Amino acid sequence: MSESIDWQHSTPSELFLHRFVAITKSGQTLDGYLSYFPQNGWWILQDADNLTTVIKPDANGNPTLNTELFRSINVLKETR
């Protein structure tokens, strides 16, 4: 596995295509790559298969984990 990056202090476009490993609230592991989608002045980062939103903006526009579905995430320097 490659080195982690500080995703909470990165811009959404900097996270595009980076590999992530996230743990769901039910304890399953989702291993994939992030896709960046700008939306009406906001943005979301989904898994590359577009199954779910992984990282979304907080009220200030900073990256935050989608805690409705996930309890932790590790974003890696490795890209697709």
N, C-alpha and C. Protein backbone atom coordinates (compact mmCIF):
# COMPACT_ATOMS: atom_id res chain seq x y z
N MET A 1 0.85 -1.17 0.00
CA MET A 1 0.00 0.00 0.00
C MET A 1 0.90 1.23 0.00
N SER A 2 0.47 2.26 -0.67
CA SER A 2 1.29 3.47 -0.77
C SER A 2 1.04 4.40 0.43
N GLU A 3 1.78 5.48 0.45
CA GLU A 3 1.72 6.46 1.53
C GLU A 3 0.39 7.21 1.52
N SER A 4 -0.11 7.56 2.71
CA SER A 4 -1.35 8.32 2.85
C SER A 4 -1.12 9.79 2.56
N ILE A 5 -2.20 10.48 2.19
CA ILE A 5 -2.14 11.92 2.02
C ILE A 5 -3.11 12.58 3.00
N ASP A 6 -2.90 13.84 3.28
CA ASP A 6 -3.76 14.61 4.18
C ASP A 6 -4.96 15.11 3.38
N TRP A 7 -5.95 14.27 3.24
CA TRP A 7 -7.09 14.59 2.39
C TRP A 7 -7.94 15.73 2.95
N GLN A 8 -7.94 15.93 4.27
CA GLN A 8 -8.75 16.98 4.87
C GLN A 8 -8.21 18.37 4.57
N HIS A 9 -6.96 18.46 4.14
CA HIS A 9 -6.36 19.75 3.80
C HIS A 9 -5.97 19.80 2.32
N SER A 10 -6.65 19.01 1.51
CA SER A 10 -6.44 18.99 0.06
C SER A 10 -7.68 19.55 -0.61
N THR A 11 -7.52 20.03 -1.84
CA THR A 11 -8.68 20.47 -2.60
C THR A 11 -9.31 19.24 -3.25
N PRO A 12 -10.60 19.30 -3.56
CA PRO A 12 -11.25 18.16 -4.21
C PRO A 12 -10.55 17.75 -5.50
N SER A 13 -10.10 18.72 -6.29
CA SER A 13 -9.43 18.38 -7.55
C SER A 13 -8.09 17.68 -7.31
N GLU A 14 -7.44 17.96 -6.18
CA GLU A 14 -6.19 17.27 -5.83
C GLU A 14 -6.43 15.82 -5.44
N LEU A 15 -7.65 15.50 -5.00
CA LEU A 15 -7.98 14.14 -4.57
C LEU A 15 -8.48 13.26 -5.72
N PHE A 16 -8.83 13.89 -6.83
CA PHE A 16 -9.36 13.19 -8.00
C PHE A 16 -8.41 12.07 -8.44
N LEU A 17 -8.96 10.87 -8.59
CA LEU A 17 -8.28 9.65 -9.05
C LEU A 17 -7.33 9.03 -8.03
N HIS A 18 -7.31 9.55 -6.80
CA HIS A 18 -6.49 8.92 -5.76
C HIS A 18 -7.21 7.70 -5.22
N ARG A 19 -6.44 6.69 -4.86
CA ARG A 19 -6.99 5.48 -4.27
C ARG A 19 -7.39 5.78 -2.82
N PHE A 20 -8.48 5.16 -2.39
CA PHE A 20 -8.91 5.29 -1.01
C PHE A 20 -9.34 3.92 -0.48
N VAL A 21 -9.23 3.77 0.82
CA VAL A 21 -9.74 2.60 1.52
C VAL A 21 -10.60 3.14 2.64
N ALA A 22 -11.89 2.85 2.59
CA ALA A 22 -12.83 3.36 3.59
C ALA A 22 -13.53 2.20 4.28
N ILE A 23 -13.85 2.41 5.55
CA ILE A 23 -14.59 1.42 6.34
C ILE A 23 -16.00 1.95 6.53
N THR A 24 -16.98 1.14 6.13
CA THR A 24 -18.37 1.54 6.29
C THR A 24 -18.80 1.39 7.74
N LYS A 25 -19.94 1.97 8.06
CA LYS A 25 -20.47 1.86 9.42
C LYS A 25 -20.75 0.40 9.79
N SER A 26 -21.03 -0.44 8.80
CA SER A 26 -21.30 -1.86 9.08
C SER A 26 -20.02 -2.69 9.13
N GLY A 27 -18.85 -2.04 8.91
CA GLY A 27 -17.58 -2.73 9.02
C GLY A 27 -17.01 -3.28 7.71
N GLN A 28 -17.68 -3.02 6.59
CA GLN A 28 -17.16 -3.46 5.29
C GLN A 28 -16.10 -2.50 4.80
N THR A 29 -15.21 -3.00 3.97
CA THR A 29 -14.14 -2.20 3.39
C THR A 29 -14.47 -1.87 1.94
N LEU A 30 -14.37 -0.60 1.60
CA LEU A 30 -14.53 -0.15 0.22
C LEU A 30 -13.17 0.36 -0.25
N ASP A 31 -12.62 -0.29 -1.26
CA ASP A 31 -11.30 0.04 -1.80
C ASP A 31 -11.52 0.49 -3.24
N GLY A 32 -11.21 1.74 -3.53
CA GLY A 32 -11.46 2.24 -4.87
C GLY A 32 -10.69 3.52 -5.15
N TYR A 33 -11.17 4.24 -6.16
CA TYR A 33 -10.55 5.49 -6.59
C TYR A 33 -11.61 6.59 -6.57
N LEU A 34 -11.19 7.81 -6.23
CA LEU A 34 -12.11 8.92 -6.11
C LEU A 34 -12.36 9.61 -7.45
N SER A 35 -13.62 9.92 -7.70
CA SER A 35 -14.03 10.71 -8.86
C SER A 35 -14.58 12.03 -8.35
N TYR A 36 -14.18 13.12 -9.00
CA TYR A 36 -14.53 14.48 -8.60
C TYR A 36 -15.68 14.98 -9.45
N PHE A 37 -16.74 15.49 -8.78
CA PHE A 37 -17.90 16.02 -9.48
C PHE A 37 -18.24 17.40 -8.94
N PRO A 38 -17.90 18.47 -9.68
CA PRO A 38 -18.34 19.81 -9.26
C PRO A 38 -19.85 19.91 -9.50
N GLN A 39 -20.55 20.58 -8.57
CA GLN A 39 -22.00 20.70 -8.67
C GLN A 39 -22.47 22.06 -8.19
N ASN A 40 -22.87 22.92 -9.08
CA ASN A 40 -23.47 24.22 -8.74
C ASN A 40 -22.71 24.96 -7.64
N GLY A 41 -21.42 25.13 -7.82
CA GLY A 41 -20.61 25.84 -6.84
C GLY A 41 -20.11 24.95 -5.71
N TRP A 42 -20.64 23.76 -5.58
CA TRP A 42 -20.19 22.79 -4.59
C TRP A 42 -19.56 21.62 -5.33
N TRP A 43 -19.28 20.57 -4.65
CA TRP A 43 -18.63 19.41 -5.25
C TRP A 43 -18.88 18.19 -4.37
N ILE A 44 -18.64 17.01 -4.93
CA ILE A 44 -18.62 15.76 -4.17
C ILE A 44 -17.52 14.88 -4.75
N LEU A 45 -17.02 13.98 -3.95
CA LEU A 45 -16.08 12.96 -4.39
C LEU A 45 -16.75 11.62 -4.18
N GLN A 46 -16.96 10.90 -5.29
CA GLN A 46 -17.58 9.58 -5.24
C GLN A 46 -16.54 8.53 -5.55
N ASP A 47 -16.89 7.27 -5.29
CA ASP A 47 -16.03 6.19 -5.75
C ASP A 47 -16.13 6.16 -7.27
N ALA A 48 -15.10 5.66 -7.94
CA ALA A 48 -15.02 5.71 -9.40
C ALA A 48 -16.17 4.97 -10.09
N ASP A 49 -16.82 4.04 -9.39
CA ASP A 49 -17.97 3.33 -9.95
C ASP A 49 -19.27 4.11 -9.75
N ASN A 50 -19.17 5.29 -9.12
CA ASN A 50 -20.32 6.17 -8.87
C ASN A 50 -21.41 5.50 -8.05
N LEU A 51 -20.99 4.66 -7.09
CA LEU A 51 -21.95 3.98 -6.24
C LEU A 51 -22.38 4.83 -5.05
N THR A 52 -21.45 5.64 -4.53
CA THR A 52 -21.77 6.43 -3.34
C THR A 52 -20.86 7.64 -3.20
N THR A 53 -21.33 8.63 -2.49
CA THR A 53 -20.52 9.78 -2.14
C THR A 53 -19.63 9.40 -0.97
N VAL A 54 -18.33 9.60 -1.13
CA VAL A 54 -17.36 9.23 -0.10
C VAL A 54 -16.96 10.47 0.71
N ILE A 55 -16.60 11.54 0.02
CA ILE A 55 -16.18 12.79 0.66
C ILE A 55 -17.04 13.91 0.09
N LYS A 56 -17.50 14.78 0.99
CA LYS A 56 -18.34 15.89 0.57
C LYS A 56 -17.90 17.14 1.32
N PRO A 57 -18.35 18.32 0.89
CA PRO A 57 -17.95 19.54 1.59
C PRO A 57 -18.72 19.73 2.90
N ASP A 58 -18.03 20.30 3.89
CA ASP A 58 -18.73 20.71 5.10
C ASP A 58 -19.34 22.09 4.84
N ALA A 59 -19.87 22.73 5.84
CA ALA A 59 -20.53 24.03 5.67
C ALA A 59 -19.59 25.11 5.14
N ASN A 60 -18.28 24.93 5.36
CA ASN A 60 -17.29 25.90 4.88
C ASN A 60 -16.65 25.49 3.56
N GLY A 61 -17.08 24.37 2.99
CA GLY A 61 -16.54 23.91 1.72
C GLY A 61 -15.31 23.03 1.85
N ASN A 62 -14.95 22.65 3.08
CA ASN A 62 -13.79 21.79 3.30
C ASN A 62 -14.16 20.32 3.19
N PRO A 63 -13.23 19.48 2.71
CA PRO A 63 -13.53 18.06 2.57
C PRO A 63 -13.84 17.40 3.92
N THR A 64 -14.91 16.63 3.93
CA THR A 64 -15.30 15.88 5.12
C THR A 64 -15.83 14.51 4.70
N LEU A 65 -15.60 13.52 5.52
CA LEU A 65 -16.05 12.16 5.23
C LEU A 65 -17.57 12.10 5.31
N ASN A 66 -18.17 11.35 4.42
CA ASN A 66 -19.61 11.11 4.46
C ASN A 66 -19.90 10.15 5.62
N THR A 67 -20.12 10.72 6.80
CA THR A 67 -20.28 9.91 8.00
C THR A 67 -21.64 9.22 8.10
N GLU A 68 -22.53 9.50 7.15
CA GLU A 68 -23.78 8.75 7.11
C GLU A 68 -23.51 7.30 6.70
N LEU A 69 -22.43 7.09 5.92
CA LEU A 69 -22.11 5.75 5.42
C LEU A 69 -20.78 5.20 5.93
N PHE A 70 -19.83 6.08 6.24
CA PHE A 70 -18.47 5.63 6.56
C PHE A 70 -18.04 6.06 7.96
N ARG A 71 -17.16 5.25 8.56
CA ARG A 71 -16.61 5.64 9.86
C ARG A 71 -15.15 6.03 9.78
N SER A 72 -14.45 5.63 8.69
CA SER A 72 -13.06 6.06 8.52
C SER A 72 -12.65 5.94 7.05
N ILE A 73 -11.58 6.66 6.72
CA ILE A 73 -11.04 6.62 5.36
C ILE A 73 -9.55 6.87 5.39
N ASN A 74 -8.87 6.27 4.45
CA ASN A 74 -7.44 6.50 4.22
C ASN A 74 -7.31 6.80 2.74
N VAL A 75 -6.86 7.99 2.39
CA VAL A 75 -6.64 8.35 1.00
C VAL A 75 -5.15 8.24 0.74
N LEU A 76 -4.81 7.54 -0.33
CA LEU A 76 -3.42 7.22 -0.63
C LEU A 76 -2.87 8.08 -1.75
N LYS A 77 -1.53 8.21 -1.79
CA LYS A 77 -0.88 8.95 -2.87
C LYS A 77 -1.03 8.25 -4.21
N GLU A 78 -1.28 6.97 -4.17
CA GLU A 78 -1.44 6.15 -5.38
C GLU A 78 -2.62 6.68 -6.20
N THR A 79 -2.41 6.84 -7.51
CA THR A 79 -3.48 7.28 -8.40
C THR A 79 -3.75 6.22 -9.45
N ARG A 80 -4.86 6.38 -10.09
CA ARG A 80 -5.31 5.45 -11.13
C ARG A 80 -4.58 5.71 -12.40
